[in-house]
C-alpha cells in the first residue's frame, strides 16, 4: 500500500500521514464499515506551515496554518474526505479559512497542493 504522492513545497511539515492511495473497500458482513478502515478515519493527514526563526525552520503551534484531512463519518463507506485549512490561535482553537469535501482522493490531493502554494507566504 502506497502513500498518496504529494508535492510539498518548502516551509511545510507533515505531522501525521495516513493518506494512502487506496479506495475504500466495503465489508462483506453487510455493514457500511470499510474493511480497510485504518485509511479512512477522522485523522488521516495533518500538515503544518512552518516559520523561519533565526535561520531555523520551526512550527509555532500557537499561531500556525494547518491543513487537516479526515474521512467522515469515520470508517463509513458512505463517507467522504473532509479537508480544512485553518489558522491555529494561541488558545489552540482553529479559525477555519477554507473547507473542501470529496470522495475523490485525487481531487483532495490537488486541493491540498493548491492550498499549500496559495499560503506559502502567509505567516
N, C-alpha and C. Protein backbone atom coordinates (compact mmCIF):
# COMPACT_ATOMS: atom_id res chain seq x y z
N UNK A 1 0.85 -1.17 0.00
CA UNK A 1 0.00 0.00 0.00
C UNK A 1 0.91 1.24 0.00
N UNK A 2 0.64 2.14 -0.94
CA UNK A 2 1.46 3.34 -1.11
C UNK A 2 0.77 4.57 -0.53
N UNK A 3 1.56 5.44 0.09
CA UNK A 3 1.04 6.74 0.50
C UNK A 3 0.70 7.55 -0.74
N UNK A 4 -0.26 8.43 -0.63
CA UNK A 4 -0.61 9.34 -1.73
C UNK A 4 0.58 10.26 -1.96
N UNK A 5 1.00 10.37 -3.22
CA UNK A 5 2.11 11.27 -3.56
C UNK A 5 1.62 12.71 -3.47
N UNK A 6 2.35 13.52 -2.71
CA UNK A 6 2.02 14.93 -2.54
C UNK A 6 3.25 15.77 -2.87
N UNK A 7 3.03 16.89 -3.55
CA UNK A 7 4.10 17.85 -3.82
C UNK A 7 4.11 18.84 -2.66
N UNK A 8 5.09 18.70 -1.78
CA UNK A 8 5.17 19.53 -0.58
C UNK A 8 6.22 20.62 -0.80
N UNK A 9 5.81 21.89 -0.86
CA UNK A 9 6.80 22.95 -1.02
C UNK A 9 7.57 23.20 0.28
N UNK A 10 8.71 23.84 0.15
CA UNK A 10 9.49 24.23 1.32
C UNK A 10 8.62 25.07 2.25
N UNK A 11 8.76 24.83 3.53
CA UNK A 11 8.03 25.62 4.50
C UNK A 11 6.85 24.90 5.12
N UNK A 12 6.68 23.63 4.78
CA UNK A 12 5.59 22.83 5.37
C UNK A 12 6.16 21.57 6.01
N UNK A 13 5.49 21.11 7.05
CA UNK A 13 5.89 19.88 7.74
C UNK A 13 4.70 18.93 7.80
N UNK A 14 4.94 17.69 7.43
CA UNK A 14 3.93 16.64 7.57
C UNK A 14 4.02 16.14 9.01
N UNK A 15 2.97 16.38 9.78
CA UNK A 15 2.96 16.00 11.19
C UNK A 15 2.30 14.65 11.42
N UNK A 16 1.42 14.26 10.52
CA UNK A 16 0.73 12.96 10.61
C UNK A 16 0.32 12.59 9.19
N UNK A 17 0.59 11.34 8.77
CA UNK A 17 0.24 10.95 7.40
C UNK A 17 -0.22 9.50 7.32
N UNK A 18 -1.52 9.33 7.12
CA UNK A 18 -2.13 8.04 6.77
C UNK A 18 -2.97 8.20 5.51
N UNK A 19 -2.54 9.11 4.62
CA UNK A 19 -3.26 9.38 3.38
C UNK A 19 -2.72 8.44 2.30
N UNK A 20 -3.39 7.30 2.16
CA UNK A 20 -2.94 6.26 1.24
C UNK A 20 -3.68 6.35 -0.10
N UNK A 21 -2.99 5.90 -1.13
CA UNK A 21 -3.54 5.88 -2.49
C UNK A 21 -4.37 4.60 -2.66
N UNK A 22 -5.49 4.54 -1.93
CA UNK A 22 -6.37 3.36 -1.96
C UNK A 22 -7.82 3.80 -1.98
N UNK A 23 -8.66 2.93 -2.51
CA UNK A 23 -10.11 3.12 -2.48
C UNK A 23 -10.66 2.43 -1.23
N UNK A 24 -11.74 2.94 -0.67
CA UNK A 24 -12.37 2.22 0.44
C UNK A 24 -12.94 0.89 -0.04
N UNK A 25 -12.73 -0.16 0.75
CA UNK A 25 -13.23 -1.49 0.41
C UNK A 25 -14.38 -1.83 1.34
N UNK A 26 -15.54 -2.12 0.76
CA UNK A 26 -16.73 -2.40 1.56
C UNK A 26 -16.60 -3.76 2.25
N UNK A 27 -17.07 -3.82 3.46
CA UNK A 27 -17.04 -5.04 4.26
C UNK A 27 -18.01 -6.07 3.70
N UNK A 28 -17.67 -7.34 3.82
CA UNK A 28 -18.53 -8.43 3.36
C UNK A 28 -19.63 -8.77 4.37
N UNK A 29 -19.62 -8.15 5.54
CA UNK A 29 -20.57 -8.53 6.59
C UNK A 29 -21.90 -7.79 6.52
N UNK A 30 -22.13 -7.02 5.45
CA UNK A 30 -23.41 -6.34 5.27
C UNK A 30 -23.52 -5.00 5.98
N UNK A 31 -22.47 -4.58 6.66
CA UNK A 31 -22.49 -3.26 7.32
C UNK A 31 -21.89 -2.22 6.38
N UNK A 32 -21.97 -0.98 6.77
CA UNK A 32 -21.38 0.10 5.98
C UNK A 32 -19.95 0.42 6.42
N UNK A 33 -19.36 -0.48 7.20
CA UNK A 33 -18.00 -0.28 7.69
C UNK A 33 -17.01 -0.68 6.59
N UNK A 34 -15.96 0.11 6.45
CA UNK A 34 -14.92 -0.13 5.45
C UNK A 34 -13.94 -1.16 5.99
N UNK A 35 -13.60 -2.17 5.15
CA UNK A 35 -12.63 -3.19 5.56
C UNK A 35 -11.26 -2.57 5.86
N UNK A 36 -10.82 -1.67 5.00
CA UNK A 36 -9.53 -1.00 5.20
C UNK A 36 -9.74 0.34 5.92
N UNK A 37 -10.53 0.29 7.01
CA UNK A 37 -10.96 1.48 7.74
C UNK A 37 -9.80 2.30 8.27
N UNK A 38 -8.64 1.68 8.51
CA UNK A 38 -7.48 2.41 9.03
C UNK A 38 -7.02 3.54 8.12
N UNK A 39 -7.40 3.46 6.85
CA UNK A 39 -7.07 4.53 5.89
C UNK A 39 -8.19 5.55 5.78
N UNK A 40 -9.28 5.34 6.49
CA UNK A 40 -10.47 6.19 6.35
C UNK A 40 -11.02 6.56 7.73
N UNK A 41 -10.20 7.27 8.49
CA UNK A 41 -10.56 7.73 9.83
C UNK A 41 -10.61 9.25 9.85
N UNK A 42 -10.97 9.80 10.97
CA UNK A 42 -11.03 11.26 11.10
C UNK A 42 -9.65 11.91 11.17
N UNK A 43 -8.62 11.11 11.38
CA UNK A 43 -7.24 11.63 11.47
C UNK A 43 -6.38 10.98 10.40
N UNK A 44 -6.43 11.53 9.19
CA UNK A 44 -5.67 10.97 8.07
C UNK A 44 -4.36 11.72 7.84
N UNK A 45 -4.44 13.04 7.79
CA UNK A 45 -3.27 13.83 7.40
C UNK A 45 -3.31 15.18 8.11
N UNK A 46 -2.15 15.60 8.61
CA UNK A 46 -2.04 16.97 9.12
C UNK A 46 -0.72 17.55 8.63
N UNK A 47 -0.84 18.73 8.02
CA UNK A 47 0.32 19.46 7.50
C UNK A 47 0.34 20.82 8.19
N UNK A 48 1.48 21.18 8.75
CA UNK A 48 1.63 22.48 9.41
C UNK A 48 2.57 23.36 8.60
N UNK A 49 2.20 24.62 8.47
CA UNK A 49 3.08 25.59 7.84
C UNK A 49 4.13 25.97 8.86
N UNK A 50 5.37 25.96 8.43
CA UNK A 50 6.48 26.29 9.31
C UNK A 50 6.84 27.76 9.15
N UNK A 51 7.58 28.28 10.13
CA UNK A 51 8.09 29.64 10.03
C UNK A 51 9.61 29.60 10.20
N UNK A 52 10.26 30.59 9.65
CA UNK A 52 11.71 30.69 9.74
C UNK A 52 12.06 31.66 10.86
N UNK A 53 12.72 31.15 11.91
CA UNK A 53 13.14 31.97 13.04
C UNK A 53 14.64 31.81 13.23
N UNK A 54 15.36 32.92 13.14
CA UNK A 54 16.82 32.90 13.32
C UNK A 54 17.48 31.85 12.44
N UNK A 55 17.00 31.73 11.20
CA UNK A 55 17.59 30.81 10.24
C UNK A 55 17.19 29.35 10.41
N UNK A 56 16.26 29.06 11.31
CA UNK A 56 15.82 27.69 11.56
C UNK A 56 14.33 27.56 11.29
N UNK A 57 13.93 26.47 10.62
CA UNK A 57 12.51 26.19 10.41
C UNK A 57 11.93 25.64 11.70
N UNK A 58 10.76 26.15 12.08
CA UNK A 58 10.08 25.63 13.26
C UNK A 58 8.57 25.80 13.09
N UNK A 59 7.84 25.03 13.87
CA UNK A 59 6.38 25.14 13.91
C UNK A 59 6.01 25.91 15.16
N UNK A 60 5.28 27.00 14.97
CA UNK A 60 4.73 27.73 16.10
C UNK A 60 3.30 27.23 16.26
N UNK A 61 3.11 26.24 17.13
CA UNK A 61 1.82 25.58 17.24
C UNK A 61 0.73 26.46 17.81
N UNK A 62 1.07 27.67 18.22
CA UNK A 62 0.05 28.57 18.75
C UNK A 62 -0.47 29.56 17.72
N UNK A 63 0.21 29.70 16.59
CA UNK A 63 -0.23 30.67 15.57
C UNK A 63 0.04 30.17 14.16
N UNK A 64 -0.02 28.89 13.93
CA UNK A 64 0.35 28.38 12.60
C UNK A 64 -0.87 28.12 11.73
N UNK A 65 -0.58 27.87 10.46
CA UNK A 65 -1.60 27.45 9.50
C UNK A 65 -1.54 25.92 9.42
N UNK A 66 -2.71 25.28 9.45
CA UNK A 66 -2.81 23.82 9.45
C UNK A 66 -3.72 23.38 8.31
N UNK A 67 -3.31 22.31 7.63
CA UNK A 67 -4.17 21.61 6.68
C UNK A 67 -4.48 20.26 7.33
N UNK A 68 -5.76 19.98 7.51
CA UNK A 68 -6.18 18.78 8.24
C UNK A 68 -7.16 17.98 7.38
N UNK A 69 -6.88 16.68 7.23
CA UNK A 69 -7.71 15.80 6.40
C UNK A 69 -8.23 14.64 7.22
N UNK A 70 -9.51 14.35 7.05
CA UNK A 70 -10.13 13.19 7.69
C UNK A 70 -11.19 12.59 6.78
N UNK A 71 -11.73 11.47 7.20
CA UNK A 71 -12.83 10.80 6.50
C UNK A 71 -14.03 10.81 7.44
N UNK A 72 -15.16 11.31 6.95
CA UNK A 72 -16.35 11.50 7.79
C UNK A 72 -17.58 10.90 7.13
N UNK A 73 -18.40 10.12 7.85
CA UNK A 73 -18.13 9.59 9.17
C UNK A 73 -16.98 8.58 9.15
N UNK A 74 -16.30 8.51 10.24
CA UNK A 74 -15.14 7.65 10.43
C UNK A 74 -15.44 6.21 10.03
N UNK A 75 -14.67 5.67 9.06
CA UNK A 75 -14.78 4.27 8.67
C UNK A 75 -16.03 3.88 7.92
N UNK A 76 -16.86 4.83 7.52
CA UNK A 76 -18.15 4.56 6.86
C UNK A 76 -18.01 4.61 5.34
N UNK A 77 -18.47 3.58 4.65
CA UNK A 77 -18.37 3.50 3.19
C UNK A 77 -19.11 4.66 2.52
N UNK A 78 -20.11 5.21 3.18
CA UNK A 78 -20.88 6.33 2.62
C UNK A 78 -20.24 7.69 2.93
N UNK A 79 -19.09 7.67 3.58
CA UNK A 79 -18.42 8.91 3.96
C UNK A 79 -17.68 9.56 2.81
N UNK A 80 -16.96 10.61 3.17
CA UNK A 80 -16.13 11.33 2.21
C UNK A 80 -14.99 12.01 2.95
N UNK A 81 -13.98 12.41 2.18
CA UNK A 81 -12.88 13.17 2.77
C UNK A 81 -13.39 14.55 3.17
N UNK A 82 -12.96 15.02 4.32
CA UNK A 82 -13.22 16.38 4.77
C UNK A 82 -11.88 17.06 4.98
N UNK A 83 -11.67 18.18 4.30
CA UNK A 83 -10.40 18.88 4.31
C UNK A 83 -10.61 20.29 4.86
N UNK A 84 -9.71 20.72 5.74
CA UNK A 84 -9.83 22.04 6.37
C UNK A 84 -8.48 22.73 6.31
N UNK A 85 -8.51 24.01 5.97
CA UNK A 85 -7.36 24.89 6.10
C UNK A 85 -7.72 25.86 7.22
N UNK A 86 -6.89 25.93 8.25
CA UNK A 86 -7.23 26.73 9.42
C UNK A 86 -6.01 27.44 9.98
N UNK A 87 -6.29 28.53 10.67
CA UNK A 87 -5.27 29.23 11.44
C UNK A 87 -5.47 28.81 12.89
N UNK A 88 -4.39 28.36 13.51
CA UNK A 88 -4.44 27.95 14.91
C UNK A 88 -4.18 29.18 15.78
N UNK A 89 -5.05 29.41 16.74
CA UNK A 89 -4.92 30.54 17.65
C UNK A 89 -4.08 30.18 18.87
N UNK A 90 -3.71 31.19 19.62
CA UNK A 90 -2.88 30.96 20.82
C UNK A 90 -3.55 30.04 21.83
N UNK A 91 -4.89 30.04 21.87
CA UNK A 91 -5.60 29.15 22.79
C UNK A 91 -5.85 27.77 22.17
N UNK A 92 -5.21 27.50 21.01
CA UNK A 92 -5.28 26.24 20.27
C UNK A 92 -6.62 26.01 19.57
N UNK A 93 -7.51 27.00 19.59
CA UNK A 93 -8.73 26.90 18.78
C UNK A 93 -8.36 27.17 17.33
N UNK A 94 -9.24 26.78 16.42
CA UNK A 94 -8.97 26.94 14.99
C UNK A 94 -9.96 27.92 14.38
N UNK A 95 -9.45 28.83 13.56
CA UNK A 95 -10.28 29.67 12.71
C UNK A 95 -10.22 29.07 11.31
N UNK A 96 -11.35 28.55 10.84
CA UNK A 96 -11.40 27.90 9.53
C UNK A 96 -11.29 28.95 8.43
N UNK A 97 -10.34 28.74 7.52
CA UNK A 97 -10.14 29.62 6.38
C UNK A 97 -10.87 29.06 5.16
N UNK A 98 -10.70 27.75 4.93
CA UNK A 98 -11.33 27.08 3.79
C UNK A 98 -11.70 25.66 4.18
N UNK A 99 -12.71 25.11 3.47
CA UNK A 99 -13.12 23.71 3.64
C UNK A 99 -13.33 23.11 2.26
N UNK A 100 -13.16 21.80 2.18
CA UNK A 100 -13.47 21.06 0.96
C UNK A 100 -13.90 19.65 1.35
N UNK A 101 -14.77 19.07 0.53
CA UNK A 101 -15.26 17.71 0.75
C UNK A 101 -15.28 16.99 -0.59
N UNK A 102 -14.88 15.73 -0.59
CA UNK A 102 -14.93 14.92 -1.81
C UNK A 102 -14.68 13.46 -1.46
N UNK A 103 -15.25 12.56 -2.26
CA UNK A 103 -14.94 11.14 -2.15
C UNK A 103 -13.67 10.81 -2.95
N UNK A 104 -13.28 11.73 -3.84
CA UNK A 104 -12.18 11.50 -4.77
C UNK A 104 -10.84 11.92 -4.15
N UNK A 105 -9.98 10.93 -3.89
CA UNK A 105 -8.69 11.23 -3.24
C UNK A 105 -7.78 12.08 -4.11
N UNK A 106 -7.90 11.96 -5.43
CA UNK A 106 -7.05 12.76 -6.32
C UNK A 106 -7.48 14.23 -6.32
N UNK A 107 -8.77 14.46 -6.24
CA UNK A 107 -9.27 15.83 -6.12
C UNK A 107 -8.79 16.45 -4.81
N UNK A 108 -8.85 15.69 -3.73
CA UNK A 108 -8.38 16.17 -2.43
C UNK A 108 -6.88 16.46 -2.49
N UNK A 109 -6.11 15.57 -3.09
CA UNK A 109 -4.66 15.81 -3.24
C UNK A 109 -4.40 17.13 -3.95
N UNK A 110 -5.13 17.36 -5.05
CA UNK A 110 -4.93 18.59 -5.83
C UNK A 110 -5.28 19.83 -5.01
N UNK A 111 -6.32 19.76 -4.21
CA UNK A 111 -6.71 20.90 -3.37
C UNK A 111 -5.63 21.16 -2.31
N UNK A 112 -5.12 20.11 -1.69
CA UNK A 112 -4.05 20.26 -0.69
C UNK A 112 -2.86 20.97 -1.31
N UNK A 113 -2.43 20.51 -2.48
CA UNK A 113 -1.28 21.13 -3.14
C UNK A 113 -1.55 22.58 -3.51
N UNK A 114 -2.75 22.87 -3.97
CA UNK A 114 -3.14 24.24 -4.31
C UNK A 114 -3.10 25.14 -3.07
N UNK A 115 -3.67 24.66 -1.97
CA UNK A 115 -3.68 25.46 -0.74
C UNK A 115 -2.27 25.74 -0.24
N UNK A 116 -1.39 24.75 -0.31
CA UNK A 116 -0.02 24.97 0.14
C UNK A 116 0.66 26.05 -0.69
N UNK A 117 0.46 26.03 -2.00
CA UNK A 117 1.04 27.05 -2.87
C UNK A 117 0.46 28.43 -2.57
N UNK A 118 -0.84 28.50 -2.35
CA UNK A 118 -1.50 29.79 -2.08
C UNK A 118 -1.05 30.41 -0.76
N UNK A 119 -0.77 29.58 0.24
CA UNK A 119 -0.48 30.09 1.58
C UNK A 119 0.99 30.00 1.96
N UNK A 120 1.87 29.77 0.99
CA UNK A 120 3.30 29.61 1.28
C UNK A 120 3.89 30.86 1.94
N UNK A 121 3.38 32.04 1.58
CA UNK A 121 3.95 33.29 2.11
C UNK A 121 3.19 33.86 3.29
N UNK A 122 2.14 33.19 3.72
CA UNK A 122 1.33 33.67 4.85
C UNK A 122 1.98 33.22 6.15
N UNK A 123 2.13 34.13 7.09
CA UNK A 123 2.70 33.76 8.41
C UNK A 123 1.60 33.42 9.37
